[in-house]
Amino acid sequence: MKKNIGSPDRIIRILFAVFVAALYFANVISGTVAIILGLVAVILFATALIGTCPIYLAANMSTTKAEKVV
């Protein structure tokens, strides 16, 4: 698949996942909220590692820098 997630976007996704994990392990969030935020965090973390976001593909978006044609 074509990469459509740029570096700043990847960093934000990973930081969000780490933040949610920290909230969970500090017992700040629990129950349904923890499950929902945990699923979102796992999805964002996975897409950051892979470099491709299915929603961006469907919307024909990309946060990567445009390739220069020489």
PDB file of N, CA and C in Angstrom:
ATOM      1  N   MET A   1       0.823  -1.179   0.000  1.00  0.00           N
ATOM      2  CA  MET A   1       0.000   0.000   0.000  1.00  0.00           C
ATOM      3  C   MET A   1       0.870   1.247   0.000  1.00  0.00           C
ATOM      4  N   LYS A   2       0.338   2.288  -0.585  1.00  0.00           N
ATOM      5  CA  LYS A   2       1.059   3.543  -0.654  1.00  0.00           C
ATOM      6  C   LYS A   2       1.006   4.256   0.699  1.00  0.00           C
ATOM      7  N   LYS A   3       2.137   4.763   1.131  1.00  0.00           N
ATOM      8  CA  LYS A   3       2.216   5.483   2.405  1.00  0.00           C
ATOM      9  C   LYS A   3       1.488   6.825   2.262  1.00  0.00           C
ATOM     10  N   ASN A   4       0.621   7.140   3.231  1.00  0.00           N
ATOM     11  CA  ASN A   4      -0.095   8.409   3.172  1.00  0.00           C
ATOM     12  C   ASN A   4      -0.094   9.152   4.512  1.00  0.00           C
ATOM     13  N   ILE A   5       0.791   8.735   5.423  1.00  0.00           N
ATOM     14  CA  ILE A   5       0.908   9.400   6.713  1.00  0.00           C
ATOM     15  C   ILE A   5       2.313   9.976   6.836  1.00  0.00           C
ATOM     16  N   GLY A   6       2.387  11.298   6.978  1.00  0.00           N
ATOM     17  CA  GLY A   6       3.674  11.970   7.115  1.00  0.00           C
ATOM     18  C   GLY A   6       4.220  11.885   8.530  1.00  0.00           C
ATOM     19  N   SER A   7       5.439  12.343   8.708  1.00  0.00           N
ATOM     20  CA  SER A   7       6.117  12.271  10.014  1.00  0.00           C
ATOM     21  C   SER A   7       5.383  13.008  11.132  1.00  0.00           C
ATOM     22  N   PRO A   8       4.936  14.254  10.924  1.00  0.00           N
ATOM     23  CA  PRO A   8       4.231  14.930  12.023  1.00  0.00           C
ATOM     24  C   PRO A   8       2.950  14.181  12.423  1.00  0.00           C
ATOM     25  N   ASP A   9       2.237  13.668  11.443  1.00  0.00           N
ATOM     26  CA  ASP A   9       1.015  12.909  11.699  1.00  0.00           C
ATOM     27  C   ASP A   9       1.328  11.639  12.485  1.00  0.00           C
ATOM     28  N   ARG A  10       2.399  10.961  12.123  1.00  0.00           N
ATOM     29  CA  ARG A  10       2.814   9.743  12.833  1.00  0.00           C
ATOM     30  C   ARG A  10       3.149  10.052  14.294  1.00  0.00           C
ATOM     31  N   ILE A  11       3.875  11.133  14.510  1.00  0.00           N
ATOM     32  CA  ILE A  11       4.280  11.503  15.867  1.00  0.00           C
ATOM     33  C   ILE A  11       3.053  11.798  16.723  1.00  0.00           C
ATOM     34  N   ILE A  12       2.093  12.529  16.179  1.00  0.00           N
ATOM     35  CA  ILE A  12       0.870  12.857  16.920  1.00  0.00           C
ATOM     36  C   ILE A  12       0.101  11.588  17.269  1.00  0.00           C
ATOM     37  N   ARG A  13      -0.009  10.658  16.328  1.00  0.00           N
ATOM     38  CA  ARG A  13      -0.724   9.403  16.572  1.00  0.00           C
ATOM     39  C   ARG A  13      -0.048   8.585  17.678  1.00  0.00           C
ATOM     40  N   ILE A  14       1.262   8.505  17.640  1.00  0.00           N
ATOM     41  CA  ILE A  14       1.994   7.735  18.650  1.00  0.00           C
ATOM     42  C   ILE A  14       1.891   8.402  20.013  1.00  0.00           C
ATOM     43  N   LEU A  15       2.021   9.736  20.056  1.00  0.00           N
ATOM     44  CA  LEU A  15       1.898  10.454  21.331  1.00  0.00           C
ATOM     45  C   LEU A  15       0.513  10.278  21.938  1.00  0.00           C
ATOM     46  N   PHE A  16      -0.532  10.289  21.099  1.00  0.00           N
ATOM     47  CA  PHE A  16      -1.886  10.070  21.605  1.00  0.00           C
ATOM     48  C   PHE A  16      -2.012   8.679  22.216  1.00  0.00           C
ATOM     49  N   ALA A  17      -1.473   7.683  21.540  1.00  0.00           N
ATOM     50  CA  ALA A  17      -1.543   6.308  22.044  1.00  0.00           C
ATOM     51  C   ALA A  17      -0.797   6.182  23.371  1.00  0.00           C
ATOM     52  N   VAL A  18       0.355   6.792  23.480  1.00  0.00           N
ATOM     53  CA  VAL A  18       1.129   6.752  24.728  1.00  0.00           C
ATOM     54  C   VAL A  18       0.377   7.484  25.841  1.00  0.00           C
ATOM     55  N   PHE A  19      -0.242   8.596  25.508  1.00  0.00           N
ATOM     56  CA  PHE A  19      -1.007   9.369  26.486  1.00  0.00           C
ATOM     57  C   PHE A  19      -2.191   8.558  27.026  1.00  0.00           C
ATOM     58  N   VAL A  20      -2.918   7.901  26.139  1.00  0.00           N
ATOM     59  CA  VAL A  20      -4.048   7.074  26.566  1.00  0.00           C
ATOM     60  C   VAL A  20      -3.554   5.915  27.432  1.00  0.00           C
ATOM     61  N   ALA A  21      -2.456   5.290  27.057  1.00  0.00           N
ATOM     62  CA  ALA A  21      -1.902   4.198  27.854  1.00  0.00           C
ATOM     63  C   ALA A  21      -1.504   4.697  29.243  1.00  0.00           C
ATOM     64  N   ALA A  22      -0.900   5.873  29.306  1.00  0.00           N
ATOM     65  CA  ALA A  22      -0.504   6.438  30.599  1.00  0.00           C
ATOM     66  C   ALA A  22      -1.726   6.721  31.471  1.00  0.00           C
ATOM     67  N   LEU A  23      -2.777   7.254  30.872  1.00  0.00           N
ATOM     68  CA  LEU A  23      -4.012   7.502  31.625  1.00  0.00           C
ATOM     69  C   LEU A  23      -4.606   6.205  32.156  1.00  0.00           C
ATOM     70  N   TYR A  24      -4.566   5.170  31.329  1.00  0.00           N
ATOM     71  CA  TYR A  24      -5.127   3.886  31.743  1.00  0.00           C
ATOM     72  C   TYR A  24      -4.326   3.281  32.900  1.00  0.00           C
ATOM     73  N   PHE A  25      -3.017   3.241  32.765  1.00  0.00           N
ATOM     74  CA  PHE A  25      -2.182   2.620  33.792  1.00  0.00           C
ATOM     75  C   PHE A  25      -2.117   3.446  35.077  1.00  0.00           C
ATOM     76  N   ALA A  26      -2.443   4.743  34.996  1.00  0.00           N
ATOM     77  CA  ALA A  26      -2.505   5.589  36.186  1.00  0.00           C
ATOM     78  C   ALA A  26      -3.905   5.559  36.803  1.00  0.00           C
ATOM     79  N   ASN A  27      -4.775   4.719  36.257  1.00  0.00           N
ATOM     80  CA  ASN A  27      -6.162   4.575  36.726  1.00  0.00           C
ATOM     81  C   ASN A  27      -6.962   5.873  36.657  1.00  0.00           C
ATOM     82  N   VAL A  28      -6.651   6.706  35.676  1.00  0.00           N
ATOM     83  CA  VAL A  28      -7.412   7.932  35.465  1.00  0.00           C
ATOM     84  C   VAL A  28      -8.664   7.625  34.651  1.00  0.00           C
ATOM     85  N   ILE A  29      -8.545   6.696  33.701  1.00  0.00           N
ATOM     86  CA  ILE A  29      -9.706   6.281  32.910  1.00  0.00           C
ATOM     87  C   ILE A  29      -9.957   4.799  33.163  1.00  0.00           C
ATOM     88  N   SER A  30     -11.221   4.428  33.102  1.00  0.00           N
ATOM     89  CA  SER A  30     -11.577   3.025  33.299  1.00  0.00           C
ATOM     90  C   SER A  30     -12.928   2.763  32.648  1.00  0.00           C
ATOM     91  N   GLY A  31     -13.315   1.524  32.616  1.00  0.00           N
ATOM     92  CA  GLY A  31     -14.621   1.131  32.086  1.00  0.00           C
ATOM     93  C   GLY A  31     -14.737   1.335  30.581  1.00  0.00           C
ATOM     94  N   THR A  32     -15.914   1.759  30.164  1.00  0.00           N
ATOM     95  CA  THR A  32     -16.219   1.931  28.742  1.00  0.00           C
ATOM     96  C   THR A  32     -15.320   2.973  28.089  1.00  0.00           C
ATOM     97  N   VAL A  33     -15.055   4.055  28.797  1.00  0.00           N
ATOM     98  CA  VAL A  33     -14.188   5.114  28.257  1.00  0.00           C
ATOM     99  C   VAL A  33     -12.803   4.559  27.962  1.00  0.00           C
ATOM    100  N   ALA A  34     -12.271   3.762  28.862  1.00  0.00           N
ATOM    101  CA  ALA A  34     -10.945   3.180  28.683  1.00  0.00           C
ATOM    102  C   ALA A  34     -10.934   2.230  27.489  1.00  0.00           C
ATOM    103  N   ILE A  35     -11.999   1.463  27.319  1.00  0.00           N
ATOM    104  CA  ILE A  35     -12.066   0.520  26.197  1.00  0.00           C
ATOM    105  C   ILE A  35     -12.110   1.271  24.879  1.00  0.00           C
ATOM    106  N   ILE A  36     -12.963   2.279  24.786  1.00  0.00           N
ATOM    107  CA  ILE A  36     -13.097   3.038  23.537  1.00  0.00           C
ATOM    108  C   ILE A  36     -11.806   3.776  23.210  1.00  0.00           C
ATOM    109  N   LEU A  37     -11.257   4.507  24.187  1.00  0.00           N
ATOM    110  CA  LEU A  37     -10.000   5.227  23.943  1.00  0.00           C
ATOM    111  C   LEU A  37      -8.854   4.261  23.654  1.00  0.00           C
ATOM    112  N   GLY A  38      -8.867   3.102  24.304  1.00  0.00           N
ATOM    113  CA  GLY A  38      -7.830   2.101  24.054  1.00  0.00           C
ATOM    114  C   GLY A  38      -7.884   1.573  22.634  1.00  0.00           C
ATOM    115  N   LEU A  39      -9.088   1.297  22.138  1.00  0.00           N
ATOM    116  CA  LEU A  39      -9.227   0.826  20.751  1.00  0.00           C
ATOM    117  C   LEU A  39      -8.777   1.891  19.759  1.00  0.00           C
ATOM    118  N   VAL A  40      -9.179   3.135  19.998  1.00  0.00           N
ATOM    119  CA  VAL A  40      -8.754   4.228  19.117  1.00  0.00           C
ATOM    120  C   VAL A  40      -7.231   4.360  19.150  1.00  0.00           C
ATOM    121  N   ALA A  41      -6.649   4.274  20.337  1.00  0.00           N
ATOM    122  CA  ALA A  41      -5.193   4.400  20.477  1.00  0.00           C
ATOM    123  C   ALA A  41      -4.467   3.271  19.752  1.00  0.00           C
ATOM    124  N   VAL A  42      -4.982   2.050  19.868  1.00  0.00           N
ATOM    125  CA  VAL A  42      -4.344   0.913  19.184  1.00  0.00           C
ATOM    126  C   VAL A  42      -4.418   1.089  17.671  1.00  0.00           C
ATOM    127  N   ILE A  43      -5.561   1.530  17.174  1.00  0.00           N
ATOM    128  CA  ILE A  43      -5.716   1.741  15.725  1.00  0.00           C
ATOM    129  C   ILE A  43      -4.781   2.842  15.246  1.00  0.00           C
ATOM    130  N   LEU A  44      -4.730   3.952  15.967  1.00  0.00           N
ATOM    131  CA  LEU A  44      -3.845   5.042  15.570  1.00  0.00           C
ATOM    132  C   LEU A  44      -2.379   4.627  15.625  1.00  0.00           C
ATOM    133  N   PHE A  45      -2.014   3.869  16.650  1.00  0.00           N
ATOM    134  CA  PHE A  45      -0.628   3.398  16.773  1.00  0.00           C
ATOM    135  C   PHE A  45      -0.278   2.463  15.615  1.00  0.00           C
ATOM    136  N   ALA A  46      -1.185   1.559  15.293  1.00  0.00           N
ATOM    137  CA  ALA A  46      -0.938   0.613  14.194  1.00  0.00           C
ATOM    138  C   ALA A  46      -0.800   1.343  12.859  1.00  0.00           C
ATOM    139  N   THR A  47      -1.679   2.299  12.600  1.00  0.00           N
ATOM    140  CA  THR A  47      -1.581   3.025  11.334  1.00  0.00           C
ATOM    141  C   THR A  47      -0.314   3.867  11.280  1.00  0.00           C
ATOM    142  N   ALA A  48       0.133   4.371  12.430  1.00  0.00           N
ATOM    143  CA  ALA A  48       1.386   5.128  12.458  1.00  0.00           C
ATOM    144  C   ALA A  48       2.568   4.227  12.124  1.00  0.00           C
ATOM    145  N   LEU A  49       2.561   3.004  12.652  1.00  0.00           N
ATOM    146  CA  LEU A  49       3.656   2.073  12.352  1.00  0.00           C
ATOM    147  C   LEU A  49       3.643   1.632  10.895  1.00  0.00           C
ATOM    148  N   ILE A  50       2.449   1.381  10.371  1.00  0.00           N
ATOM    149  CA  ILE A  50       2.323   0.923   8.985  1.00  0.00           C
ATOM    150  C   ILE A  50       2.574   2.068   8.006  1.00  0.00           C
ATOM    151  N   GLY A  51       2.118   3.264   8.367  1.00  0.00           N
ATOM    152  CA  GLY A  51       2.302   4.424   7.499  1.00  0.00           C
ATOM    153  C   GLY A  51       1.161   4.641   6.533  1.00  0.00           C
ATOM    154  N   THR A  52       0.094   3.867   6.669  1.00  0.00           N
ATOM    155  CA  THR A  52      -1.058   3.984   5.781  1.00  0.00           C
ATOM    156  C   THR A  52      -2.332   4.047   6.609  1.00  0.00           C
ATOM    157  N   CYS A  53      -3.191   5.019   6.279  1.00  0.00           N
ATOM    158  CA  CYS A  53      -4.471   5.169   6.972  1.00  0.00           C
ATOM    159  C   CYS A  53      -5.597   4.881   5.986  1.00  0.00           C
ATOM    160  N   PRO A  54      -6.447   3.885   6.277  1.00  0.00           N
ATOM    161  CA  PRO A  54      -7.554   3.554   5.369  1.00  0.00           C
ATOM    162  C   PRO A  54      -8.526   4.721   5.162  1.00  0.00           C
ATOM    163  N   ILE A  55      -8.735   5.535   6.183  1.00  0.00           N
ATOM    164  CA  ILE A  55      -9.638   6.682   6.033  1.00  0.00           C
ATOM    165  C   ILE A  55      -9.036   7.698   5.066  1.00  0.00           C
ATOM    166  N   TYR A  56      -7.729   7.915   5.158  1.00  0.00           N
ATOM    167  CA  TYR A  56      -7.058   8.811   4.214  1.00  0.00           C
ATOM    168  C   TYR A  56      -7.157   8.263   2.791  1.00  0.00           C
ATOM    169  N   LEU A  57      -7.030   6.932   2.649  1.00  0.00           N
ATOM    170  CA  LEU A  57      -7.157   6.332   1.321  1.00  0.00           C
ATOM    171  C   LEU A  57      -8.546   6.579   0.739  1.00  0.00           C
ATOM    172  N   ALA A  58      -9.582   6.381   1.554  1.00  0.00           N
ATOM    173  CA  ALA A  58     -10.952   6.575   1.092  1.00  0.00           C
ATOM    174  C   ALA A  58     -11.225   8.032   0.726  1.00  0.00           C
ATOM    175  N   ALA A  59     -10.618   8.960   1.471  1.00  0.00           N
ATOM    176  CA  ALA A  59     -10.816  10.385   1.227  1.00  0.00           C
ATOM    177  C   ALA A  59      -9.813  10.944   0.217  1.00  0.00           C
ATOM    178  N   ASN A  60      -8.927  10.088  -0.284  1.00  0.00           N
ATOM    179  CA  ASN A  60      -7.886  10.486  -1.237  1.00  0.00           C
ATOM    180  C   ASN A  60      -7.016  11.607  -0.653  1.00  0.00           C
ATOM    181  N   MET A  61      -6.611  11.432   0.611  1.00  0.00           N
ATOM    182  CA  MET A  61      -5.774  12.402   1.315  1.00  0.00           C
ATOM    183  C   MET A  61      -4.392  11.821   1.575  1.00  0.00           C
ATOM    184  N   SER A  62      -3.466  12.722   1.863  1.00  0.00           N
ATOM    185  CA  SER A  62      -2.124  12.306   2.249  1.00  0.00           C
ATOM    186  C   SER A  62      -1.472  13.431   3.044  1.00  0.00           C
ATOM    187  N   THR A  63      -0.743  13.069   4.095  1.00  0.00           N
ATOM    188  CA  THR A  63      -0.012  14.076   4.867  1.00  0.00           C
ATOM    189  C   THR A  63       1.495  13.958   4.607  1.00  0.00           C
ATOM    190  N   THR A  64       1.869  13.147   3.638  1.00  0.00           N
ATOM    191  CA  THR A  64       3.274  13.037   3.266  1.00  0.00           C
ATOM    192  C   THR A  64       3.640  14.205   2.377  1.00  0.00           C
ATOM    193  N   LYS A  65       4.923  14.496   2.322  1.00  0.00           N
ATOM    194  CA  LYS A  65       5.385  15.566   1.440  1.00  0.00           C
ATOM    195  C   LYS A  65       5.238  15.118  -0.013  1.00  0.00           C
ATOM    196  N   ALA A  66       4.871  16.044  -0.855  1.00  0.00           N
ATOM    197  CA  ALA A  66       4.712  15.735  -2.278  1.00  0.00           C
ATOM    198  C   ALA A  66       6.061  15.413  -2.896  1.00  0.00           C
ATOM    199  N   GLU A  67       6.082  14.402  -3.754  1.00  0.00           N
ATOM    200  CA  GLU A  67       7.317  14.042  -4.424  1.00  0.00           C
ATOM    201  C   GLU A  67       7.582  15.053  -5.540  1.00  0.00           C
ATOM    202  N   LYS A  68       8.851  15.444  -5.636  1.00  0.00           N
ATOM    203  CA  LYS A  68       9.223  16.402  -6.672  1.00  0.00           C
ATOM    204  C   LYS A  68       9.575  15.644  -7.947  1.00  0.00           C
ATOM    205  N   VAL A  69       9.008  16.091  -9.061  1.00  0.00           N
ATOM    206  CA  VAL A  69       9.307  15.491 -10.349  1.00  0.00           C
ATOM    207  C   VAL A  69      10.431  16.285 -10.976  1.00  0.00           C
ATOM    208  N   VAL A  70      11.518  15.596 -11.324  1.00  0.00           N
ATOM    209  CA  VAL A  70      12.694  16.275 -11.876  1.00  0.00           C
ATOM    210  C   VAL A  70      12.702  16.157 -13.376  1.00  0.00           C
TER     211      VAL A  70
END
